[in-house]
């Protein structure tokens, strides 16, 4: 399965970076897509770790990105 705890900080850094880029240019579709990918990865990581509620929150945020 891999090292979920070791992967988490790397995934979190990706989310932080993507959020910062989107905050600088909210209409940039590439950066919004990148944020959605990072959030999807965090959702998958949460799901693999048994955190269904946390996973759902990430996936709901992804839906919000595409609806905006």
Protein backbone atom coordinates (compact mmCIF):
# COMPACT_ATOMS: atom_id res chain seq x y z
CA UNK A 1 0.00 0.00 0.00
CA UNK A 2 2.84 2.40 0.67
CA UNK A 3 3.73 4.98 3.26
CA UNK A 4 0.54 7.02 3.76
CA UNK A 5 1.99 9.05 6.61
CA UNK A 6 5.09 9.84 4.56
CA UNK A 7 3.01 10.88 1.56
CA UNK A 8 0.71 13.18 3.51
CA UNK A 9 3.14 16.11 3.96
CA UNK A 10 4.03 16.02 0.27
CA UNK A 11 0.38 16.06 -0.75
CA UNK A 12 -0.36 18.84 1.74
CA UNK A 13 2.47 20.94 0.29
CA UNK A 14 0.98 20.50 -3.17
CA UNK A 15 -2.39 21.72 -1.91
CA UNK A 16 -0.80 24.75 -0.20
CA UNK A 17 1.10 25.69 -3.33
CA UNK A 18 -1.92 25.25 -5.58
CA UNK A 19 -4.12 27.28 -3.21
CA UNK A 20 -1.58 30.11 -3.25
CA UNK A 21 -1.46 30.14 -7.04
CA UNK A 22 -5.26 30.16 -7.31
CA UNK A 23 -5.45 32.95 -4.74
CA UNK A 24 -3.08 35.03 -6.91
CA UNK A 25 -5.09 34.39 -10.08
CA UNK A 26 -8.51 32.84 -9.38
CA UNK A 27 -9.49 32.80 -13.04
CA UNK A 28 -6.47 30.77 -14.15
CA UNK A 29 -8.05 27.50 -15.22
CA UNK A 30 -4.78 25.54 -15.19
CA UNK A 31 -4.09 26.45 -11.57
CA UNK A 32 -7.69 25.66 -10.60
CA UNK A 33 -7.35 22.28 -12.29
CA UNK A 34 -4.05 21.67 -10.49
CA UNK A 35 -5.71 22.48 -7.17
CA UNK A 36 -8.51 20.05 -7.99
CA UNK A 37 -5.97 17.32 -8.75
CA UNK A 38 -4.14 17.92 -5.47
CA UNK A 39 -7.40 17.91 -3.52
CA UNK A 40 -8.44 14.70 -5.26
CA UNK A 41 -5.15 13.13 -4.22
CA UNK A 42 -5.75 14.25 -0.63
CA UNK A 43 -9.24 12.76 -0.78
CA UNK A 44 -7.84 9.45 -1.97
CA UNK A 45 -5.19 9.53 0.74
CA UNK A 46 -7.85 10.19 3.39
CA UNK A 47 -9.99 7.36 2.03
CA UNK A 48 -7.05 4.94 2.07
CA UNK A 49 -6.39 5.98 5.66
CA UNK A 50 -9.98 5.16 6.62
CA UNK A 51 -11.16 8.77 6.91
CA UNK A 52 -14.37 8.73 4.87
CA UNK A 53 -15.61 12.08 6.19
CA UNK A 54 -12.30 13.78 5.43
CA UNK A 55 -12.24 12.23 1.99
CA UNK A 56 -15.73 13.52 1.27
CA UNK A 57 -14.73 17.06 2.27
CA UNK A 58 -11.86 17.07 -0.22
CA UNK A 59 -14.07 15.71 -3.00
CA UNK A 60 -16.80 18.27 -2.23
CA UNK A 61 -14.23 21.05 -2.53
CA UNK A 62 -13.20 19.68 -5.93
CA UNK A 63 -16.83 19.80 -7.08
CA UNK A 64 -17.01 23.41 -5.88
CA UNK A 65 -13.96 24.31 -7.98
CA UNK A 66 -15.57 23.02 -11.13
CA UNK A 67 -18.91 24.65 -10.37
CA UNK A 68 -17.37 28.09 -9.89
